[in-house]
Structure formats: structure tokens, C-alpha cells
Amino acid sequence: MRSVVTDNPAPEENAQTRLCSDFENRIREGRQPRIEDFIGQDRDSLLLARLLMIELRYRYLQGEDPTLTKYAGRFPEIAGLLKRISRYS
């Protein structure tokens, strides 16, 4: 029987994973990468959400309390996601 899960993810997924890893590594190094510099012109919503989750996690771990309304202004295309996150923060 053949498995539905493949060992070879789609090229877009590999590219997104690399971008997310690079973004996270820069945060760990103490740099302050901008999400806008990683999402490119097409502003892929999935990549944007993944980068946002990484940034929020590290900001919370550093004792910050980021306001989601500022993110909503920067990224109106994920306003729905931000509303759902704000219910749990």
C-alpha cells in the first residue's frame, strides 16, 4: 500500500521552510529581521503567518508584549488570523 505522505515536499514548501529557518536564525543571533523582507512582493499568506508566529514567539519569550493591532496595520491580509490569536493572548 502506498503512503499518502511523501518524502519530497513541494518546492514552495521547501523554500518557505528555508525562509522561516533563516528568519528564526537571525532572531536568535540578536538581529531584528523584518517580516516584510522575507515575504516578497506576492505576500504569501501562509509564509506570512508562519513568520509572524516565529516573531511573536520570540518576542513573548523576551518578555515583550507585542500589540497585534500594529501587525494588523502592516498585514491586513491576515486580519482574521490576528483576531483569532488575540482571543488567546
PDB file of N, CA and C in Angstrom:
ATOM      1  N   MET A   1       0.843  -1.183   0.000  1.00  0.00           N
ATOM      2  CA  MET A   1       0.000   0.000   0.000  1.00  0.00           C
ATOM      3  C   MET A   1       0.886   1.243   0.000  1.00  0.00           C
ATOM      4  N   ARG A   2       0.515   2.188  -0.789  1.00  0.00           N
ATOM      5  CA  ARG A   2       1.310   3.397  -0.943  1.00  0.00           C
ATOM      6  C   ARG A   2       0.898   4.457   0.077  1.00  0.00           C
ATOM      7  N   SER A   3       1.855   5.115   0.670  1.00  0.00           N
ATOM      8  CA  SER A   3       1.595   6.149   1.667  1.00  0.00           C
ATOM      9  C   SER A   3       1.203   7.459   0.988  1.00  0.00           C
ATOM     10  N   VAL A   4       0.319   8.186   1.636  1.00  0.00           N
ATOM     11  CA  VAL A   4      -0.099   9.484   1.124  1.00  0.00           C
ATOM     12  C   VAL A   4       0.983  10.525   1.378  1.00  0.00           C
ATOM     13  N   VAL A   5       1.724  10.380   2.449  1.00  0.00           N
ATOM     14  CA  VAL A   5       2.787  11.305   2.802  1.00  0.00           C
ATOM     15  C   VAL A   5       3.992  11.027   1.916  1.00  0.00           C
ATOM     16  N   THR A   6       4.568  12.094   1.381  1.00  0.00           N
ATOM     17  CA  THR A   6       5.733  11.923   0.521  1.00  0.00           C
ATOM     18  C   THR A   6       6.976  12.404   1.245  1.00  0.00           C
ATOM     19  N   ASP A   7       8.095  11.890   0.799  1.00  0.00           N
ATOM     20  CA  ASP A   7       9.373  12.327   1.355  1.00  0.00           C
ATOM     21  C   ASP A   7       9.864  13.601   0.683  1.00  0.00           C
ATOM     22  N   ASN A   8       9.242  13.957  -0.407  1.00  0.00           N
ATOM     23  CA  ASN A   8       9.659  15.132  -1.166  1.00  0.00           C
ATOM     24  C   ASN A   8       8.566  16.190  -1.147  1.00  0.00           C
ATOM     25  N   PRO A   9       8.667  17.138  -0.209  1.00  0.00           N
ATOM     26  CA  PRO A   9       7.657  18.193  -0.166  1.00  0.00           C
ATOM     27  C   PRO A   9       7.729  19.055  -1.428  1.00  0.00           C
ATOM     28  N   ALA A  10       6.662  19.786  -1.675  1.00  0.00           N
ATOM     29  CA  ALA A  10       6.615  20.680  -2.829  1.00  0.00           C
ATOM     30  C   ALA A  10       7.732  21.707  -2.741  1.00  0.00           C
ATOM     31  N   PRO A  11       8.256  22.145  -3.901  1.00  0.00           N
ATOM     32  CA  PRO A  11       9.349  23.143  -3.882  1.00  0.00           C
ATOM     33  C   PRO A  11       8.999  24.399  -3.100  1.00  0.00           C
ATOM     34  N   GLU A  12       7.727  24.848  -3.179  1.00  0.00           N
ATOM     35  CA  GLU A  12       7.334  26.053  -2.431  1.00  0.00           C
ATOM     36  C   GLU A  12       7.463  25.828  -0.931  1.00  0.00           C
ATOM     37  N   GLU A  13       7.131  24.615  -0.485  1.00  0.00           N
ATOM     38  CA  GLU A  13       7.222  24.302   0.940  1.00  0.00           C
ATOM     39  C   GLU A  13       8.680  24.321   1.388  1.00  0.00           C
ATOM     40  N   ASN A  14       9.570  23.759   0.574  1.00  0.00           N
ATOM     41  CA  ASN A  14      10.997  23.797   0.907  1.00  0.00           C
ATOM     42  C   ASN A  14      11.500  25.224   0.987  1.00  0.00           C
ATOM     43  N   ALA A  15      11.086  26.060   0.044  1.00  0.00           N
ATOM     44  CA  ALA A  15      11.521  27.450   0.040  1.00  0.00           C
ATOM     45  C   ALA A  15      10.998  28.172   1.276  1.00  0.00           C
ATOM     46  N   GLN A  16       9.734  27.928   1.625  1.00  0.00           N
ATOM     47  CA  GLN A  16       9.171  28.563   2.816  1.00  0.00           C
ATOM     48  C   GLN A  16       9.874  28.106   4.075  1.00  0.00           C
ATOM     49  N   THR A  17      10.170  26.823   4.152  1.00  0.00           N
ATOM     50  CA  THR A  17      10.861  26.289   5.328  1.00  0.00           C
ATOM     51  C   THR A  17      12.241  26.928   5.460  1.00  0.00           C
ATOM     52  N   ARG A  18      12.938  27.081   4.347  1.00  0.00           N
ATOM     53  CA  ARG A  18      14.263  27.732   4.382  1.00  0.00           C
ATOM     54  C   ARG A  18      14.150  29.183   4.826  1.00  0.00           C
ATOM     55  N   LEU A  19      13.152  29.902   4.303  1.00  0.00           N
ATOM     56  CA  LEU A  19      12.966  31.295   4.696  1.00  0.00           C
ATOM     57  C   LEU A  19      12.641  31.406   6.186  1.00  0.00           C
ATOM     58  N   CYS A  20      11.786  30.531   6.667  1.00  0.00           N
ATOM     59  CA  CYS A  20      11.431  30.549   8.092  1.00  0.00           C
ATOM     60  C   CYS A  20      12.642  30.242   8.963  1.00  0.00           C
ATOM     61  N   SER A  21      13.450  29.280   8.549  1.00  0.00           N
ATOM     62  CA  SER A  21      14.661  28.933   9.304  1.00  0.00           C
ATOM     63  C   SER A  21      15.634  30.098   9.327  1.00  0.00           C
ATOM     64  N   ASP A  22      15.815  30.748   8.177  1.00  0.00           N
ATOM     65  CA  ASP A  22      16.710  31.899   8.100  1.00  0.00           C
ATOM     66  C   ASP A  22      16.201  33.030   8.986  1.00  0.00           C
ATOM     67  N   PHE A  23      14.909  33.289   8.944  1.00  0.00           N
ATOM     68  CA  PHE A  23      14.301  34.325   9.772  1.00  0.00           C
ATOM     69  C   PHE A  23      14.535  34.042  11.256  1.00  0.00           C
ATOM     70  N   GLU A  24      14.258  32.791  11.653  1.00  0.00           N
ATOM     71  CA  GLU A  24      14.430  32.409  13.056  1.00  0.00           C
ATOM     72  C   GLU A  24      15.895  32.485  13.476  1.00  0.00           C
ATOM     73  N   ASN A  25      16.801  32.063  12.616  1.00  0.00           N
ATOM     74  CA  ASN A  25      18.226  32.132  12.937  1.00  0.00           C
ATOM     75  C   ASN A  25      18.673  33.574  13.157  1.00  0.00           C
ATOM     76  N   ARG A  26      18.166  34.475  12.352  1.00  0.00           N
ATOM     77  CA  ARG A  26      18.527  35.888  12.523  1.00  0.00           C
ATOM     78  C   ARG A  26      18.032  36.424  13.860  1.00  0.00           C
ATOM     79  N   ILE A  27      16.840  36.018  14.258  1.00  0.00           N
ATOM     80  CA  ILE A  27      16.322  36.444  15.565  1.00  0.00           C
ATOM     81  C   ILE A  27      17.211  35.893  16.672  1.00  0.00           C
ATOM     82  N   ARG A  28      17.572  34.622  16.572  1.00  0.00           N
ATOM     83  CA  ARG A  28      18.430  34.002  17.595  1.00  0.00           C
ATOM     84  C   ARG A  28      19.775  34.686  17.700  1.00  0.00           C
ATOM     85  N   GLU A  29      20.273  35.216  16.577  1.00  0.00           N
ATOM     86  CA  GLU A  29      21.562  35.912  16.551  1.00  0.00           C
ATOM     87  C   GLU A  29      21.461  37.325  17.115  1.00  0.00           C
ATOM     88  N   GLY A  30      20.250  37.739  17.469  1.00  0.00           N
ATOM     89  CA  GLY A  30      20.070  39.068  18.045  1.00  0.00           C
ATOM     90  C   GLY A  30      19.769  40.138  17.015  1.00  0.00           C
ATOM     91  N   ARG A  31      19.657  39.740  15.762  1.00  0.00           N
ATOM     92  CA  ARG A  31      19.279  40.710  14.736  1.00  0.00           C
ATOM     93  C   ARG A  31      17.768  40.887  14.800  1.00  0.00           C
ATOM     94  N   GLN A  32      17.274  41.877  14.143  1.00  0.00           N
ATOM     95  CA  GLN A  32      15.835  42.129  14.129  1.00  0.00           C
ATOM     96  C   GLN A  32      15.337  42.112  12.685  1.00  0.00           C
ATOM     97  N   PRO A  33      15.163  40.917  12.132  1.00  0.00           N
ATOM     98  CA  PRO A  33      14.714  40.855  10.737  1.00  0.00           C
ATOM     99  C   PRO A  33      13.282  41.362  10.595  1.00  0.00           C
ATOM    100  N   ARG A  34      13.006  41.928   9.447  1.00  0.00           N
ATOM    101  CA  ARG A  34      11.654  42.415   9.167  1.00  0.00           C
ATOM    102  C   ARG A  34      10.916  41.368   8.348  1.00  0.00           C
ATOM    103  N   ILE A  35       9.720  41.053   8.772  1.00  0.00           N
ATOM    104  CA  ILE A  35       8.909  40.074   8.057  1.00  0.00           C
ATOM    105  C   ILE A  35       8.748  40.493   6.593  1.00  0.00           C
ATOM    106  N   GLU A  36       8.564  41.782   6.362  1.00  0.00           N
ATOM    107  CA  GLU A  36       8.369  42.293   5.004  1.00  0.00           C
ATOM    108  C   GLU A  36       9.524  41.925   4.074  1.00  0.00           C
ATOM    109  N   ASP A  37      10.715  41.814   4.623  1.00  0.00           N
ATOM    110  CA  ASP A  37      11.882  41.471   3.810  1.00  0.00           C
ATOM    111  C   ASP A  37      11.899  39.999   3.411  1.00  0.00           C
ATOM    112  N   PHE A  38      11.071  39.191   4.042  1.00  0.00           N
ATOM    113  CA  PHE A  38      11.052  37.756   3.779  1.00  0.00           C
ATOM    114  C   PHE A  38       9.848  37.298   2.954  1.00  0.00           C
ATOM    115  N   ILE A  39       8.789  38.085   2.940  1.00  0.00           N
ATOM    116  CA  ILE A  39       7.588  37.618   2.235  1.00  0.00           C
ATOM    117  C   ILE A  39       7.563  38.006   0.769  1.00  0.00           C
ATOM    118  N   GLY A  40       8.393  38.938   0.363  1.00  0.00           N
ATOM    119  CA  GLY A  40       8.464  39.295  -1.043  1.00  0.00           C
ATOM    120  C   GLY A  40       7.236  40.045  -1.533  1.00  0.00           C
ATOM    121  N   GLN A  41       7.186  40.228  -2.842  1.00  0.00           N
ATOM    122  CA  GLN A  41       6.118  41.003  -3.463  1.00  0.00           C
ATOM    123  C   GLN A  41       4.765  40.309  -3.412  1.00  0.00           C
ATOM    124  N   ASP A  42       4.750  38.979  -3.514  1.00  0.00           N
ATOM    125  CA  ASP A  42       3.469  38.274  -3.586  1.00  0.00           C
ATOM    126  C   ASP A  42       2.759  38.179  -2.237  1.00  0.00           C
ATOM    127  N   ARG A  43       3.483  38.426  -1.153  1.00  0.00           N
ATOM    128  CA  ARG A  43       2.918  38.430   0.203  1.00  0.00           C
ATOM    129  C   ARG A  43       2.092  37.175   0.471  1.00  0.00           C
ATOM    130  N   ASP A  44       2.720  36.043   0.292  1.00  0.00           N
ATOM    131  CA  ASP A  44       2.075  34.754   0.519  1.00  0.00           C
ATOM    132  C   ASP A  44       1.554  34.680   1.953  1.00  0.00           C
ATOM    133  N   SER A  45       0.254  34.445   2.107  1.00  0.00           N
ATOM    134  CA  SER A  45      -0.371  34.470   3.438  1.00  0.00           C
ATOM    135  C   SER A  45       0.131  33.364   4.359  1.00  0.00           C
ATOM    136  N   LEU A  46       0.400  32.189   3.812  1.00  0.00           N
ATOM    137  CA  LEU A  46       0.898  31.093   4.646  1.00  0.00           C
ATOM    138  C   LEU A  46       2.294  31.415   5.168  1.00  0.00           C
ATOM    139  N   LEU A  47       3.167  31.885   4.308  1.00  0.00           N
ATOM    140  CA  LEU A  47       4.513  32.266   4.737  1.00  0.00           C
ATOM    141  C   LEU A  47       4.428  33.404   5.745  1.00  0.00           C
ATOM    142  N   LEU A  48       3.601  34.366   5.483  1.00  0.00           N
ATOM    143  CA  LEU A  48       3.420  35.493   6.390  1.00  0.00           C
ATOM    144  C   LEU A  48       2.983  35.015   7.768  1.00  0.00           C
ATOM    145  N   ALA A  49       2.015  34.114   7.815  1.00  0.00           N
ATOM    146  CA  ALA A  49       1.533  33.589   9.100  1.00  0.00           C
ATOM    147  C   ALA A  49       2.635  32.828   9.826  1.00  0.00           C
ATOM    148  N   ARG A  50       3.412  32.044   9.096  1.00  0.00           N
ATOM    149  CA  ARG A  50       4.500  31.282   9.728  1.00  0.00           C
ATOM    150  C   ARG A  50       5.550  32.220  10.316  1.00  0.00           C
ATOM    151  N   LEU A  51       5.933  33.239   9.556  1.00  0.00           N
ATOM    152  CA  LEU A  51       6.929  34.200  10.051  1.00  0.00           C
ATOM    153  C   LEU A  51       6.390  34.977  11.248  1.00  0.00           C
ATOM    154  N   LEU A  52       5.131  35.337  11.193  1.00  0.00           N
ATOM    155  CA  LEU A  52       4.517  36.056  12.306  1.00  0.00           C
ATOM    156  C   LEU A  52       4.538  35.215  13.575  1.00  0.00           C
ATOM    157  N   MET A  53       4.223  33.945  13.459  1.00  0.00           N
ATOM    158  CA  MET A  53       4.236  33.060  14.628  1.00  0.00           C
ATOM    159  C   MET A  53       5.638  32.968  15.230  1.00  0.00           C
ATOM    160  N   ILE A  54       6.642  32.886  14.368  1.00  0.00           N
ATOM    161  CA  ILE A  54       8.029  32.839  14.854  1.00  0.00           C
ATOM    162  C   ILE A  54       8.354  34.127  15.598  1.00  0.00           C
ATOM    163  N   GLU A  55       8.048  35.265  14.977  1.00  0.00           N
ATOM    164  CA  GLU A  55       8.367  36.550  15.605  1.00  0.00           C
ATOM    165  C   GLU A  55       7.632  36.733  16.923  1.00  0.00           C
ATOM    166  N   LEU A  56       6.350  36.414  16.941  1.00  0.00           N
ATOM    167  CA  LEU A  56       5.590  36.563  18.186  1.00  0.00           C
ATOM    168  C   LEU A  56       6.133  35.679  19.292  1.00  0.00           C
ATOM    169  N   ARG A  57       6.471  34.442  18.955  1.00  0.00           N
ATOM    170  CA  ARG A  57       7.001  33.528  19.967  1.00  0.00           C
ATOM    171  C   ARG A  57       8.262  34.105  20.606  1.00  0.00           C
ATOM    172  N   TYR A  58       9.190  34.582  19.782  1.00  0.00           N
ATOM    173  CA  TYR A  58      10.428  35.115  20.341  1.00  0.00           C
ATOM    174  C   TYR A  58      10.203  36.418  21.091  1.00  0.00           C
ATOM    175  N   ARG A  59       9.297  37.237  20.632  1.00  0.00           N
ATOM    176  CA  ARG A  59       9.019  38.478  21.358  1.00  0.00           C
ATOM    177  C   ARG A  59       8.423  38.177  22.729  1.00  0.00           C
ATOM    178  N   TYR A  60       7.509  37.204  22.787  1.00  0.00           N
ATOM    179  CA  TYR A  60       6.944  36.810  24.088  1.00  0.00           C
ATOM    180  C   TYR A  60       8.022  36.215  24.991  1.00  0.00           C
ATOM    181  N   LEU A  61       8.899  35.380  24.434  1.00  0.00           N
ATOM    182  CA  LEU A  61       9.982  34.777  25.219  1.00  0.00           C
ATOM    183  C   LEU A  61      10.943  35.827  25.765  1.00  0.00           C
ATOM    184  N   GLN A  62      11.072  36.945  25.061  1.00  0.00           N
ATOM    185  CA  GLN A  62      11.953  38.026  25.509  1.00  0.00           C
ATOM    186  C   GLN A  62      11.246  38.987  26.465  1.00  0.00           C
ATOM    187  N   GLY A  63      10.022  38.636  26.850  1.00  0.00           N
ATOM    188  CA  GLY A  63       9.302  39.449  27.817  1.00  0.00           C
ATOM    189  C   GLY A  63       8.527  40.607  27.210  1.00  0.00           C
ATOM    190  N   GLU A  64       8.481  40.676  25.907  1.00  0.00           N
ATOM    191  CA  GLU A  64       7.729  41.743  25.256  1.00  0.00           C
ATOM    192  C   GLU A  64       6.254  41.371  25.216  1.00  0.00           C
ATOM    193  N   ASP A  65       5.435  42.362  24.984  1.00  0.00           N
ATOM    194  CA  ASP A  65       4.003  42.149  24.835  1.00  0.00           C
ATOM    195  C   ASP A  65       3.574  42.853  23.546  1.00  0.00           C
ATOM    196  N   PRO A  66       3.853  42.232  22.407  1.00  0.00           N
ATOM    197  CA  PRO A  66       3.565  42.894  21.127  1.00  0.00           C
ATOM    198  C   PRO A  66       2.066  43.103  20.923  1.00  0.00           C
ATOM    199  N   THR A  67       1.720  44.250  20.386  1.00  0.00           N
ATOM    200  CA  THR A  67       0.313  44.527  20.117  1.00  0.00           C
ATOM    201  C   THR A  67      -0.032  44.047  18.710  1.00  0.00           C
ATOM    202  N   LEU A  68      -1.068  43.245  18.639  1.00  0.00           N
ATOM    203  CA  LEU A  68      -1.455  42.665  17.366  1.00  0.00           C
ATOM    204  C   LEU A  68      -2.067  43.704  16.428  1.00  0.00           C
ATOM    205  N   THR A  69      -2.546  44.817  16.970  1.00  0.00           N
ATOM    206  CA  THR A  69      -3.112  45.848  16.100  1.00  0.00           C
ATOM    207  C   THR A  69      -2.052  46.452  15.186  1.00  0.00           C
ATOM    208  N   LYS A  70      -0.821  46.541  15.665  1.00  0.00           N
ATOM    209  CA  LYS A  70       0.258  47.039  14.802  1.00  0.00           C
ATOM    210  C   LYS A  70       0.519  46.074  13.656  1.00  0.00           C
ATOM    211  N   TYR A  71       0.444  44.786  13.950  1.00  0.00           N
ATOM    212  CA  TYR A  71       0.622  43.789  12.892  1.00  0.00           C
ATOM    213  C   TYR A  71      -0.539  43.854  11.901  1.00  0.00           C
ATOM    214  N   ALA A  72      -1.741  44.109  12.394  1.00  0.00           N
ATOM    215  CA  ALA A  72      -2.909  44.198  11.515  1.00  0.00           C
ATOM    216  C   ALA A  72      -2.749  45.358  10.534  1.00  0.00           C
ATOM    217  N   GLY A  73      -2.155  46.430  10.992  1.00  0.00           N
ATOM    218  CA  GLY A  73      -1.895  47.560  10.104  1.00  0.00           C
ATOM    219  C   GLY A  73      -0.855  47.236   9.052  1.00  0.00           C
ATOM    220  N   ARG A  74       0.129  46.466   9.432  1.00  0.00           N
ATOM    221  CA  ARG A  74       1.193  46.079   8.488  1.00  0.00           C
ATOM    222  C   ARG A  74       0.750  44.989   7.538  1.00  0.00           C
ATOM    223  N   PHE A  75      -0.118  44.096   8.016  1.00  0.00           N
ATOM    224  CA  PHE A  75      -0.507  42.915   7.241  1.00  0.00           C
ATOM    225  C   PHE A  75      -2.026  42.726   7.249  1.00  0.00           C
ATOM    226  N   PRO A  76      -2.752  43.583   6.566  1.00  0.00           N
ATOM    227  CA  PRO A  76      -4.219  43.478   6.591  1.00  0.00           C
ATOM    228  C   PRO A  76      -4.739  42.168   5.999  1.00  0.00           C
ATOM    229  N   GLU A  77      -3.941  41.515   5.168  1.00  0.00           N
ATOM    230  CA  GLU A  77      -4.386  40.266   4.537  1.00  0.00           C
ATOM    231  C   GLU A  77      -4.542  39.118   5.529  1.00  0.00           C
ATOM    232  N   ILE A  78      -3.993  39.257   6.729  1.00  0.00           N
ATOM    233  CA  ILE A  78      -4.164  38.202   7.736  1.00  0.00           C
ATOM    234  C   ILE A  78      -4.897  38.729   8.974  1.00  0.00           C
ATOM    235  N   ALA A  79      -5.753  39.698   8.768  1.00  0.00           N
ATOM    236  CA  ALA A  79      -6.504  40.289   9.885  1.00  0.00           C
ATOM    237  C   ALA A  79      -7.323  39.240  10.630  1.00  0.00           C
ATOM    238  N   GLY A  80      -7.908  38.294   9.897  1.00  0.00           N
ATOM    239  CA  GLY A  80      -8.700  37.242  10.543  1.00  0.00           C
ATOM    240  C   GLY A  80      -7.862  36.395  11.478  1.00  0.00           C
ATOM    241  N   LEU A  81      -6.673  36.034  11.031  1.00  0.00           N
ATOM    242  CA  LEU A  81      -5.764  35.253  11.872  1.00  0.00           C
ATOM    243  C   LEU A  81      -5.388  36.038  13.115  1.00  0.00           C
ATOM    244  N   LEU A  82      -5.099  37.309  12.955  1.00  0.00           N
ATOM    245  CA  LEU A  82      -4.715  38.137  14.100  1.00  0.00           C
ATOM    246  C   LEU A  82      -5.849  38.244  15.116  1.00  0.00           C
ATOM    247  N   LYS A  83      -7.080  38.313  14.634  1.00  0.00           N
ATOM    248  CA  LYS A  83      -8.218  38.354  15.564  1.00  0.00           C
ATOM    249  C   LYS A  83      -8.304  37.066  16.370  1.00  0.00           C
ATOM    250  N   ARG A  84      -8.077  35.921  15.707  1.00  0.00           N
ATOM    251  CA  ARG A  84      -8.122  34.654  16.420  1.00  0.00           C
ATOM    252  C   ARG A  84      -6.989  34.551  17.446  1.00  0.00           C
ATOM    253  N   ILE A  85      -5.816  35.026  17.091  1.00  0.00           N
ATOM    254  CA  ILE A  85      -4.679  34.997  18.020  1.00  0.00           C
ATOM    255  C   ILE A  85      -4.983  35.869  19.233  1.00  0.00           C
ATOM    256  N   SER A  86      -5.577  37.030  19.003  1.00  0.00           N
ATOM    257  CA  SER A  86      -5.798  37.981  20.109  1.00  0.00           C
ATOM    258  C   SER A  86      -6.752  37.416  21.157  1.00  0.00           C
ATOM    259  N   ARG A  87      -7.600  36.499  20.763  1.00  0.00           N
ATOM    260  CA  ARG A  87      -8.503  35.885  21.738  1.00  0.00           C
ATOM    261  C   ARG A  87      -7.748  35.056  22.768  1.00  0.00           C
ATOM    262  N   TYR A  88      -6.576  34.570  22.404  1.00  0.00           N
ATOM    263  CA  TYR A  88      -5.808  33.668  23.285  1.00  0.00           C
ATOM    264  C   TYR A  88      -4.637  34.369  23.951  1.00  0.00           C
ATOM    265  N   SER A  89      -4.404  35.617  23.631  1.00  0.00           N
ATOM    266  CA  SER A  89      -3.236  36.281  24.220  1.00  0.00           C
ATOM    267  C   SER A  89      -3.624  37.133  25.405  1.00  0.00           C
TER     268      SER A  89
END
